[in-house]
N, C-alpha and C. Protein backbone atom coordinates (compact mmCIF):
# COMPACT_ATOMS: atom_id res chain seq x y z
N MET A 1 145.77 114.49 71.34
CA MET A 1 143.90 113.85 71.02
C MET A 1 143.09 115.19 71.52
N ASP A 2 142.39 115.28 70.42
CA ASP A 2 141.24 116.71 71.10
C ASP A 2 140.33 116.46 71.95
N ARG A 3 140.03 117.38 72.65
CA ARG A 3 139.41 116.61 73.60
C ARG A 3 137.51 116.81 73.36
N ILE A 4 136.83 116.24 73.96
CA ILE A 4 135.09 116.08 72.87
C ILE A 4 134.36 117.12 73.69
N SER A 5 133.21 117.56 73.44
CA SER A 5 132.42 118.43 73.74
C SER A 5 131.60 117.75 74.59
N ALA A 6 131.00 118.73 75.53
CA ALA A 6 130.01 118.37 76.22
C ALA A 6 128.70 117.95 75.37
N SER A 7 128.36 118.11 74.37
CA SER A 7 126.92 117.53 73.61
C SER A 7 127.49 116.29 72.99
N GLN A 8 128.93 116.47 72.60
CA GLN A 8 129.55 114.90 72.25
C GLN A 8 129.27 114.35 73.16
N ARG A 9 129.91 114.20 74.41
CA ARG A 9 130.05 113.45 75.32
C ARG A 9 128.52 112.77 75.69
N SER A 10 127.20 113.90 75.74
CA SER A 10 126.31 113.57 76.25
C SER A 10 125.82 112.67 75.24
N ALA A 11 126.04 112.73 73.72
CA ALA A 11 125.77 111.40 72.49
C ALA A 11 126.36 110.45 72.63
N ASN A 12 127.59 110.55 73.76
CA ASN A 12 128.30 108.90 73.61
C ASN A 12 127.54 108.35 74.57
N MET A 13 127.39 109.15 75.73
CA MET A 13 126.69 108.65 76.98
C MET A 13 125.37 107.96 76.80
N ARG A 14 124.23 108.87 75.95
CA ARG A 14 123.17 108.39 75.57
C ARG A 14 123.28 106.76 74.66
N ALA A 15 124.17 106.26 74.49
CA ALA A 15 124.29 105.08 73.53
C ALA A 15 124.55 104.17 74.27
N ILE A 16 125.02 104.43 75.80
CA ILE A 16 125.24 102.97 76.76
C ILE A 16 123.58 102.67 77.40
N ARG A 17 123.71 101.34 76.74
CA ARG A 17 121.93 101.36 77.37
C ARG A 17 122.01 100.67 79.01
N SER A 18 121.11 100.61 79.33
CA SER A 18 121.20 100.19 81.10
C SER A 18 120.36 99.00 81.36
N THR A 19 119.85 98.72 80.27
CA THR A 19 118.86 97.36 80.52
C THR A 19 119.66 96.12 79.29
N GLY A 20 119.41 95.29 79.47
CA GLY A 20 119.72 94.25 78.70
C GLY A 20 121.26 93.84 77.49
N MET A 21 121.92 94.30 78.47
CA MET A 21 123.42 94.01 78.57
C MET A 21 123.61 92.58 78.60
N LYS A 22 124.97 91.85 77.83
CA LYS A 22 125.76 90.84 77.59
C LYS A 22 125.41 90.02 79.54
N PRO A 23 126.08 90.57 80.02
CA PRO A 23 125.85 90.24 81.71
C PRO A 23 124.79 89.90 82.33
N GLU A 24 124.25 90.94 82.16
CA GLU A 24 122.38 90.47 82.92
C GLU A 24 121.97 89.40 82.29
N MET A 25 122.13 89.43 80.69
CA MET A 25 121.23 88.59 79.81
C MET A 25 121.66 87.38 80.24
N ARG A 26 122.64 87.16 80.66
CA ARG A 26 123.25 85.75 81.20
C ARG A 26 122.94 85.17 82.75
N VAL A 27 122.87 86.34 83.43
CA VAL A 27 122.72 86.06 84.62
C VAL A 27 120.99 85.29 84.92
N ARG A 28 120.43 86.59 83.96
CA ARG A 28 118.74 86.30 83.97
C ARG A 28 118.52 84.49 83.27
N GLN A 29 119.57 84.20 82.18
CA GLN A 29 119.75 82.53 81.38
C GLN A 29 119.51 82.09 82.19
N ARG A 30 120.82 82.34 83.41
CA ARG A 30 120.84 80.74 84.67
C ARG A 30 119.49 80.88 85.55
N ILE A 31 119.36 81.83 85.96
CA ILE A 31 118.19 82.34 87.40
C ILE A 31 117.08 81.19 86.35
N HIS A 32 116.97 81.55 85.45
CA HIS A 32 115.47 80.74 84.94
C HIS A 32 115.93 79.95 84.11
N ALA A 33 117.32 78.77 83.85
CA ALA A 33 117.40 77.61 83.58
C ALA A 33 117.72 76.99 85.07
N MET A 34 117.47 77.62 86.48
CA MET A 34 117.55 77.41 87.76
C MET A 34 116.20 77.10 88.10
N GLY A 35 115.27 78.01 87.66
CA GLY A 35 113.72 77.28 87.74
C GLY A 35 113.22 78.84 88.60
N TYR A 36 113.56 78.97 88.32
CA TYR A 36 113.40 80.60 89.02
C TYR A 36 112.36 81.52 88.11
N ARG A 37 111.17 82.36 88.58
CA ARG A 37 111.34 82.78 87.89
C ARG A 37 111.11 84.83 88.19
N PHE A 38 111.08 85.58 87.94
CA PHE A 38 111.29 87.26 88.31
C PHE A 38 110.71 87.92 88.01
N ARG A 39 111.10 89.12 88.04
CA ARG A 39 110.30 90.38 87.35
C ARG A 39 111.66 90.90 86.88
N LEU A 40 111.54 92.47 85.72
CA LEU A 40 112.91 92.77 85.89
C LEU A 40 112.47 94.51 85.85
N HIS A 41 113.56 95.12 86.37
CA HIS A 41 113.90 96.66 86.68
C HIS A 41 112.49 97.14 87.16
N LYS A 42 112.06 96.33 88.22
CA LYS A 42 111.20 97.39 89.03
C LYS A 42 111.55 98.80 89.23
N SER A 43 110.82 99.64 88.64
CA SER A 43 111.21 101.24 88.69
C SER A 43 110.83 101.91 90.34
N GLU A 44 109.79 101.33 90.64
CA GLU A 44 109.43 101.98 92.14
C GLU A 44 110.47 101.26 92.85
N LEU A 45 111.32 100.75 93.04
CA LEU A 45 111.95 99.89 93.69
C LEU A 45 113.70 101.06 94.01
N PRO A 46 114.41 101.04 94.93
CA PRO A 46 115.77 101.97 94.93
C PRO A 46 116.58 101.34 93.77
N GLY A 47 117.13 101.96 92.65
CA GLY A 47 117.93 101.92 92.00
C GLY A 47 117.36 100.66 90.46
N LYS A 48 116.35 101.03 90.67
CA LYS A 48 115.61 99.78 89.79
C LYS A 48 116.73 98.73 89.60
N PRO A 49 116.06 97.87 90.50
CA PRO A 49 116.95 96.57 90.43
C PRO A 49 117.30 95.69 88.64
N ASP A 50 118.21 95.41 88.40
CA ASP A 50 118.15 94.31 87.35
C ASP A 50 116.79 92.84 87.50
N ILE A 51 116.86 92.27 88.68
CA ILE A 51 116.35 91.27 88.76
C ILE A 51 115.42 91.25 89.79
N VAL A 52 114.36 90.90 89.74
CA VAL A 52 113.27 91.33 91.04
C VAL A 52 112.76 89.57 91.57
N PHE A 53 112.58 89.70 92.59
CA PHE A 53 111.95 88.50 93.04
C PHE A 53 110.81 89.35 94.13
N ALA A 54 109.66 89.52 93.87
CA ALA A 54 108.84 90.03 95.14
C ALA A 54 108.50 89.29 95.80
N ARG A 55 108.19 88.64 95.92
CA ARG A 55 107.47 87.36 97.27
C ARG A 55 108.37 86.93 97.95
N ARG A 56 110.01 86.69 97.35
CA ARG A 56 110.65 86.27 98.38
C ARG A 56 111.53 87.88 99.22
N ARG A 57 110.93 89.14 98.54
CA ARG A 57 111.79 90.52 98.69
C ARG A 57 113.42 90.28 98.51
N LYS A 58 113.53 90.02 97.25
CA LYS A 58 114.89 90.05 96.72
C LYS A 58 115.24 90.70 95.78
N VAL A 59 115.69 91.20 95.77
CA VAL A 59 116.67 91.49 93.88
C VAL A 59 118.14 91.76 93.91
N ILE A 60 118.25 91.54 92.70
CA ILE A 60 119.51 91.29 91.78
C ILE A 60 120.18 92.91 91.20
N PHE A 61 121.63 92.73 91.44
CA PHE A 61 121.90 94.34 90.49
C PHE A 61 123.13 93.26 89.84
N VAL A 62 123.05 93.62 88.17
CA VAL A 62 124.12 93.40 87.52
C VAL A 62 125.03 94.15 87.46
N HIS A 63 126.44 94.48 87.91
CA HIS A 63 126.77 95.87 87.90
C HIS A 63 128.28 95.58 86.74
N GLY A 64 128.35 96.67 85.89
CA GLY A 64 129.63 96.19 85.52
C GLY A 64 130.59 96.96 85.82
N CYS A 65 132.29 95.93 86.12
CA CYS A 65 133.14 96.71 86.96
C CYS A 65 133.51 97.88 86.70
N PHE A 66 133.85 98.38 85.70
CA PHE A 66 134.20 99.36 85.28
C PHE A 66 132.96 100.84 85.86
N TRP A 67 131.80 101.08 85.07
CA TRP A 67 131.16 101.67 85.52
C TRP A 67 130.90 101.84 87.08
N HIS A 68 130.76 100.71 87.52
CA HIS A 68 130.63 100.89 89.01
C HIS A 68 131.55 100.81 90.21
N GLN A 69 133.15 100.32 89.33
CA GLN A 69 134.58 100.80 90.18
C GLN A 69 134.23 99.38 90.92
N HIS A 70 134.54 98.24 90.79
CA HIS A 70 134.54 97.27 91.67
C HIS A 70 135.95 96.87 92.18
N LYS A 71 135.85 96.98 93.21
CA LYS A 71 137.54 97.55 93.64
C LYS A 71 137.88 96.21 94.03
N GLY A 72 139.78 96.30 93.35
CA GLY A 72 140.00 94.81 93.13
C GLY A 72 140.14 94.03 92.34
N CYS A 73 138.98 94.60 91.32
CA CYS A 73 139.03 93.97 90.00
C CYS A 73 139.91 94.79 88.89
N LYS A 74 140.68 93.60 87.71
CA LYS A 74 141.64 93.76 86.88
C LYS A 74 140.38 94.75 85.70
N HIS A 75 139.11 94.22 85.68
CA HIS A 75 138.24 95.42 84.75
C HIS A 75 138.40 96.89 84.98
N CYS A 76 138.71 97.22 86.60
CA CYS A 76 138.16 98.33 87.02
C CYS A 76 139.42 99.51 86.96
N ARG A 77 139.69 99.54 85.90
CA ARG A 77 140.64 100.81 85.74
C ARG A 77 140.20 101.77 85.65
N LYS A 78 141.28 103.20 86.08
CA LYS A 78 141.01 104.57 85.83
C LYS A 78 141.14 105.20 84.71
N PRO A 79 140.20 105.72 84.49
CA PRO A 79 140.29 106.72 82.73
C PRO A 79 141.72 107.38 82.63
N LYS A 80 142.37 107.32 82.05
CA LYS A 80 143.56 108.07 81.79
C LYS A 80 143.25 109.36 81.12
N SER A 81 142.46 109.54 80.16
CA SER A 81 141.83 110.81 79.52
C SER A 81 140.75 111.29 80.35
N ASN A 82 141.04 112.54 80.22
CA ASN A 82 139.55 113.56 80.69
C ASN A 82 139.44 113.13 82.70
N GLN A 83 140.10 113.17 82.79
CA GLN A 83 140.23 112.50 84.54
C GLN A 83 138.97 112.96 84.94
N SER A 84 139.15 114.38 84.76
CA SER A 84 138.05 115.50 85.68
C SER A 84 136.60 115.40 85.50
N TYR A 85 136.70 114.78 84.46
CA TYR A 85 135.22 114.12 83.88
C TYR A 85 134.61 112.86 84.76
N TRP A 86 135.49 111.95 84.42
CA TRP A 86 135.01 110.37 84.53
C TRP A 86 135.83 110.17 86.02
N LEU A 87 136.39 110.72 86.41
CA LEU A 87 136.53 110.36 88.28
C LEU A 87 135.51 110.62 89.15
N PRO A 88 134.88 112.03 88.72
CA PRO A 88 133.35 112.37 89.81
C PRO A 88 132.27 111.91 89.06
N LYS A 89 132.34 111.17 88.22
CA LYS A 89 131.11 110.51 87.60
C LYS A 89 131.16 109.11 88.61
N LEU A 90 132.41 108.52 88.00
CA LEU A 90 132.48 107.07 88.58
C LEU A 90 131.83 107.44 89.94
N ALA A 91 132.57 107.81 90.51
CA ALA A 91 132.86 107.95 92.05
C ALA A 91 130.90 108.69 92.59
N ARG A 92 130.48 109.38 91.75
CA ARG A 92 128.87 109.43 91.93
C ARG A 92 128.32 107.84 91.31
N ASN A 93 128.26 107.31 90.88
CA ASN A 93 127.73 105.76 90.45
C ASN A 93 127.70 105.06 91.92
N VAL A 94 129.43 105.04 92.68
CA VAL A 94 129.56 103.89 93.55
C VAL A 94 128.48 104.62 94.80
N ARG A 95 128.49 105.88 94.96
CA ARG A 95 128.14 106.60 95.99
C ARG A 95 126.55 106.40 95.73
N ARG A 96 125.91 106.30 94.61
CA ARG A 96 124.27 106.48 94.33
C ARG A 96 124.17 104.47 94.43
N ASP A 97 125.11 103.71 94.06
CA ASP A 97 124.96 102.47 94.49
C ASP A 97 124.99 102.27 95.68
N ARG A 98 125.35 102.83 96.80
CA ARG A 98 125.48 102.42 98.15
C ARG A 98 123.70 102.97 98.85
N LYS A 99 124.00 104.44 98.38
CA LYS A 99 122.67 104.57 98.86
C LYS A 99 121.43 104.06 98.57
N HIS A 100 121.19 103.23 97.39
CA HIS A 100 120.15 102.19 96.97
C HIS A 100 120.18 101.20 97.44
N LEU A 101 121.58 100.53 98.09
CA LEU A 101 121.42 99.32 98.79
C LEU A 101 120.82 99.62 100.28
N LYS A 102 121.48 100.66 100.59
CA LYS A 102 120.61 100.77 102.02
C LYS A 102 119.61 101.14 102.11
N ALA A 103 118.88 102.13 100.95
CA ALA A 103 118.11 101.99 101.20
C ALA A 103 116.91 100.53 101.34
N LEU A 104 117.30 99.92 99.98
CA LEU A 104 116.51 98.65 100.28
C LEU A 104 116.52 97.19 101.31
N LYS A 105 117.72 97.72 102.29
CA LYS A 105 117.85 97.25 103.03
C LYS A 105 116.55 98.12 104.16
N GLU A 106 116.91 98.80 104.19
CA GLU A 106 115.76 99.82 105.35
C GLU A 106 114.43 99.17 104.99
N SER A 107 114.20 99.21 103.29
CA SER A 107 112.47 98.86 103.16
C SER A 107 112.22 97.30 103.39
N GLY A 108 113.61 96.48 103.54
CA GLY A 108 112.97 94.53 103.95
C GLY A 108 113.29 93.89 103.35
N TRP A 109 114.07 94.52 102.18
CA TRP A 109 114.66 93.41 101.34
C TRP A 109 116.18 93.21 101.14
N LYS A 110 116.41 92.30 100.56
CA LYS A 110 117.92 91.87 100.54
C LYS A 110 118.60 92.18 98.95
N ALA A 111 119.94 92.35 98.78
CA ALA A 111 120.11 92.75 97.52
C ALA A 111 121.01 91.90 97.02
N LEU A 112 121.60 91.37 96.09
CA LEU A 112 123.00 90.53 95.76
C LEU A 112 123.22 91.49 94.58
N VAL A 113 124.81 92.00 94.72
CA VAL A 113 125.45 92.71 93.73
C VAL A 113 126.16 91.51 92.98
N ILE A 114 126.01 91.19 91.73
CA ILE A 114 126.54 90.07 90.66
C ILE A 114 127.66 91.03 89.76
N TRP A 115 129.23 91.11 90.22
CA TRP A 115 129.66 92.24 89.25
C TRP A 115 130.29 91.25 87.94
N GLU A 116 129.96 91.76 87.18
CA GLU A 116 130.28 91.39 85.60
C GLU A 116 131.68 90.39 85.38
N CYS A 117 132.77 90.54 86.53
CA CYS A 117 133.47 89.27 86.04
C CYS A 117 132.92 88.39 87.13
N GLN A 118 132.34 88.15 87.72
CA GLN A 118 131.83 87.08 88.21
C GLN A 118 130.96 86.18 87.01
N ILE A 119 130.51 86.41 86.48
CA ILE A 119 129.44 86.00 85.54
C ILE A 119 130.48 84.85 84.47
N LYS A 120 131.35 84.54 84.91
CA LYS A 120 132.16 83.81 83.82
C LYS A 120 132.14 82.58 83.88
N ASN A 121 132.01 82.46 85.23
CA ASN A 121 132.25 80.51 85.63
C ASN A 121 130.68 79.99 85.98
N ASP A 122 129.96 79.49 85.01
CA ASP A 122 128.72 79.30 85.69
C ASP A 122 128.42 78.44 86.72
N TYR A 123 129.18 77.88 87.17
CA TYR A 123 129.39 77.20 88.60
C TYR A 123 129.41 77.54 89.90
N SER A 124 129.98 78.33 89.81
CA SER A 124 130.56 79.76 90.81
C SER A 124 129.14 80.55 90.49
N LEU A 125 128.88 81.15 89.70
CA LEU A 125 127.53 82.03 89.70
C LEU A 125 126.24 81.27 89.51
N GLU A 126 126.19 80.02 89.74
CA GLU A 126 124.94 79.38 90.40
C GLU A 126 125.02 79.00 91.92
N LYS A 127 126.09 78.65 91.85
CA LYS A 127 126.61 78.71 93.16
C LYS A 127 125.63 79.89 94.41
N GLN A 128 126.22 80.92 93.89
CA GLN A 128 126.12 82.32 94.40
C GLN A 128 124.42 82.53 94.52
N LEU A 129 124.02 82.12 93.21
CA LEU A 129 122.43 82.20 93.08
C LEU A 129 121.60 81.57 94.03
N ARG A 130 121.62 80.05 93.79
CA ARG A 130 121.33 79.14 94.68
C ARG A 130 121.44 80.13 95.94
N LYS A 131 122.44 79.98 96.83
CA LYS A 131 122.88 80.36 98.35
C LYS A 131 121.51 82.06 98.63
N PHE A 132 121.91 82.82 97.26
CA PHE A 132 120.99 84.22 97.95
C PHE A 132 119.36 83.55 97.80
N LEU A 133 118.82 82.67 96.84
CA LEU A 133 118.38 82.99 96.46
C LEU A 133 116.74 81.79 97.60
N ARG A 134 117.95 80.71 98.76
CA ARG A 134 117.36 80.07 99.14
C ARG A 134 116.30 80.46 100.47
C-alpha cells in the first residue's frame, strides 16, 4: 500500500469534525430529555468541553475511544499502518486531555468524561449523568 503524503493526511484529518458527532448528540439528547439545560463548546474553558453547566460549574466531555485512547476498551485499538505518525498523535491527545482536566479542576470545575462505548446503554448513561449532575 502506498504511503499518503502529509498534505493528503492533513486533508483527511480536516474532514473529521470535532462537534456534533453521533455520540455527543446522543448524550445531549439524553441530558435534554432529563430536563437539564446546558451550553455547548465554551471555548474559553480548557479543552472546549462538549457540554457546559455554567451555574453548576460542571462540564462533560464525550470522547471517542480510539481518538482519546480509552484504556481497556475494545474500540481503542492501535493503528497497524503508519504508526510513526499515529502513535505520537494519539499520545498527544491523551496528554492534552489530562492537562485540560487538571486545569478545569484547578479552576473549580468538575468534569465528567463519557466514553463512546458507554453511551450504548441508555439506563446506565442516564444513571451516570444523574449522579454527576446532582
